[in-house]
């Protein structure tokens, strides 16, 4: 189960993912099993969903593309790193397939968006994730990031 483009090395995102925001702790394992049995091979999660441990148990020994998010409360690079490490530990994974900065509003307000982005790139380079991206960015936030980032990857 490898979604890496062999010619470019780019990570291919599955076309459909199971969002887990509303998946309760008690049913997380069975939901994951059912989803995989019915063709889902991508799970989207975040620390704020409060179900990562249970999702991790459901994902044990299963081939699945896992998306992890850095929550908006992480406004300093070391906080973002800790959130990612905690998520991976709770899910019993050594890396995420895709790491997303979940919401930009608090990092923009704190003036730390670019340092958080740099930390995501460092985590990618260290193998904590295969790829990085953003979620819930409006056009202005996305343009700011693109105008100021040093890596298009």
Protein backbone atom coordinates (compact mmCIF):
# COMPACT_ATOMS: atom_id res chain seq x y z
CA UNK A 1 0.00 0.00 0.00
CA UNK A 2 2.15 2.83 -1.28
CA UNK A 3 0.69 6.03 -2.61
CA UNK A 4 4.00 7.53 -3.67
CA UNK A 5 4.37 8.55 -7.31
CA UNK A 6 7.35 6.51 -8.47
CA UNK A 7 8.57 9.12 -10.95
CA UNK A 8 8.29 12.26 -8.78
CA UNK A 9 8.30 10.95 -5.22
CA UNK A 10 5.15 12.97 -4.50
CA UNK A 11 2.62 11.48 -2.11
CA UNK A 12 -0.74 10.83 -3.78
CA UNK A 13 -3.74 11.69 -1.65
CA UNK A 14 -6.52 9.10 -1.71
CA UNK A 15 -9.67 10.38 -3.39
CA UNK A 16 -11.90 9.67 -0.40
CA UNK A 17 -11.23 9.80 3.33
CA UNK A 18 -13.14 8.93 6.44
CA UNK A 19 -13.59 12.05 8.53
CA UNK A 20 -13.56 11.16 12.21
CA UNK A 21 -14.68 14.37 13.92
CA UNK A 22 -18.02 12.89 14.94
CA UNK A 23 -16.77 9.35 15.62
CA UNK A 24 -17.15 8.67 19.33
CA UNK A 25 -14.55 6.81 21.35
CA UNK A 26 -16.73 3.75 21.93
CA UNK A 27 -17.38 3.12 18.25
CA UNK A 28 -14.08 4.27 16.73
CA UNK A 29 -12.61 0.78 16.30
CA UNK A 30 -15.70 -0.77 14.71
CA UNK A 31 -16.17 2.29 12.46
CA UNK A 32 -12.58 2.00 11.20
CA UNK A 33 -13.01 -1.73 10.54
CA UNK A 34 -16.27 -1.15 8.67
CA UNK A 35 -14.84 1.73 6.64
CA UNK A 36 -11.78 -0.25 5.56
CA UNK A 37 -13.91 -3.27 4.73
CA UNK A 38 -15.98 -1.01 2.44
CA UNK A 39 -13.02 0.49 0.60
CA UNK A 40 -11.88 3.46 2.66
CA UNK A 41 -8.10 3.61 2.83
CA UNK A 42 -7.72 7.09 4.30
CA UNK A 43 -8.56 8.37 7.77
CA UNK A 44 -8.63 12.05 8.74
CA UNK A 45 -8.19 12.87 12.42
CA UNK A 46 -7.19 15.66 14.80
CA UNK A 47 -6.38 15.99 18.51
CA UNK A 48 -9.49 18.09 19.04
CA UNK A 49 -11.67 15.15 17.98
CA UNK A 50 -10.67 13.31 21.21
CA UNK A 51 -10.65 9.85 19.64
CA UNK A 52 -7.09 9.27 18.44
CA UNK A 53 -6.26 6.40 20.82
CA UNK A 54 -9.34 4.48 19.83
CA UNK A 55 -8.77 5.18 16.14
CA UNK A 56 -5.20 3.97 16.52
CA UNK A 57 -6.44 0.69 18.00
CA UNK A 58 -8.83 0.31 15.07
CA UNK A 59 -5.99 0.96 12.61
CA UNK A 60 -3.62 -1.64 14.09
CA UNK A 61 -2.23 -3.92 11.37
CA UNK A 62 -4.22 -2.14 8.67
CA UNK A 63 -2.91 -0.41 5.59
CA UNK A 64 -4.35 3.06 5.69
CA UNK A 65 -3.35 6.61 4.73
CA UNK A 66 -3.53 8.67 7.93
CA UNK A 67 -4.05 12.43 8.02
CA UNK A 68 -3.11 14.17 11.27
CA UNK A 69 -3.80 17.82 12.01
CA UNK A 70 -1.99 20.45 14.08
CA UNK A 71 -4.80 22.17 16.02
CA UNK A 72 -5.18 25.94 16.06
CA UNK A 73 -4.24 26.09 19.75
CA UNK A 74 -0.64 25.29 18.75
CA UNK A 75 0.65 28.80 18.07
CA UNK A 76 4.34 28.12 18.73
CA UNK A 77 6.55 25.66 16.83
CA UNK A 78 7.29 23.56 19.93
CA UNK A 79 3.55 23.30 20.62
CA UNK A 80 2.91 22.11 17.06
CA UNK A 81 5.64 19.49 17.40
CA UNK A 82 4.25 18.29 20.74
CA UNK A 83 0.73 18.01 19.28
CA UNK A 84 2.04 15.88 16.40
CA UNK A 85 4.16 13.68 18.67
CA UNK A 86 1.19 13.20 21.03
CA UNK A 87 -1.12 12.32 18.13
CA UNK A 88 1.31 9.78 16.73
CA UNK A 89 1.86 8.25 20.16
CA UNK A 90 -1.87 7.97 20.84
CA UNK A 91 -2.39 6.29 17.47
CA UNK A 92 0.68 4.07 17.89
CA UNK A 93 2.21 5.31 14.63
CA UNK A 94 5.73 6.41 13.82
CA UNK A 95 4.61 8.89 11.14
CA UNK A 96 1.58 10.49 9.49
CA UNK A 97 1.04 10.25 5.77
CA UNK A 98 -0.18 13.83 5.67
CA UNK A 99 0.21 16.52 8.33
CA UNK A 100 -2.13 19.50 8.03
CA UNK A 101 -2.16 22.85 9.77
CA UNK A 102 -5.84 22.71 10.73
CA UNK A 103 -6.83 26.39 11.11
CA UNK A 104 -4.64 29.45 10.45
CA UNK A 105 -6.49 32.09 12.47
CA UNK A 106 -4.62 31.83 15.79
CA UNK A 107 -1.16 31.50 14.20
CA UNK A 108 -1.82 34.51 11.99
CA UNK A 109 -3.02 36.47 15.01
CA UNK A 110 0.09 35.48 16.96
CA UNK A 111 2.36 36.24 13.99
CA UNK A 112 3.70 32.66 14.02
CA UNK A 113 2.23 31.12 10.87
CA UNK A 114 5.57 30.99 9.07
CA UNK A 115 7.44 29.52 12.04
CA UNK A 116 4.72 26.87 12.42
CA UNK A 117 4.97 26.11 8.69
CA UNK A 118 8.75 25.79 9.01
CA UNK A 119 8.26 23.36 11.89
CA UNK A 120 5.92 21.24 9.76
CA UNK A 121 8.59 21.10 7.06
CA UNK A 122 11.19 20.07 9.65
CA UNK A 123 8.92 17.28 10.85
CA UNK A 124 8.53 16.14 7.24
CA UNK A 125 12.30 16.15 6.77
CA UNK A 126 12.69 14.15 10.01
CA UNK A 127 10.22 11.50 8.87
CA UNK A 128 7.35 12.33 11.24
CA UNK A 129 5.18 12.87 8.17
CA UNK A 130 5.46 12.12 4.48
CA UNK A 131 3.82 15.37 3.39
CA UNK A 132 2.45 18.65 4.74
CA UNK A 133 -0.48 20.86 3.87
CA UNK A 134 -3.19 23.16 5.17
CA UNK A 135 -6.86 22.90 6.04
CA UNK A 136 -9.55 25.56 6.40
CA UNK A 137 -7.36 28.36 5.02
CA UNK A 138 -9.22 31.18 3.31
CA UNK A 139 -7.76 32.77 0.18
CA UNK A 140 -6.00 35.53 2.14
CA UNK A 141 -4.33 33.09 4.56
CA UNK A 142 -3.29 30.79 1.73
CA UNK A 143 -1.85 33.69 -0.30
CA UNK A 144 0.07 34.90 2.76
CA UNK A 145 1.55 31.43 3.25
CA UNK A 146 2.44 31.00 -0.41
CA UNK A 147 3.97 34.48 -0.62
CA UNK A 148 6.18 33.80 2.39
CA UNK A 149 7.06 30.12 2.30
CA UNK A 150 10.45 28.96 1.22
CA UNK A 151 9.40 25.49 0.07
CA UNK A 152 6.64 24.77 -2.43
CA UNK A 153 6.67 21.08 -1.41
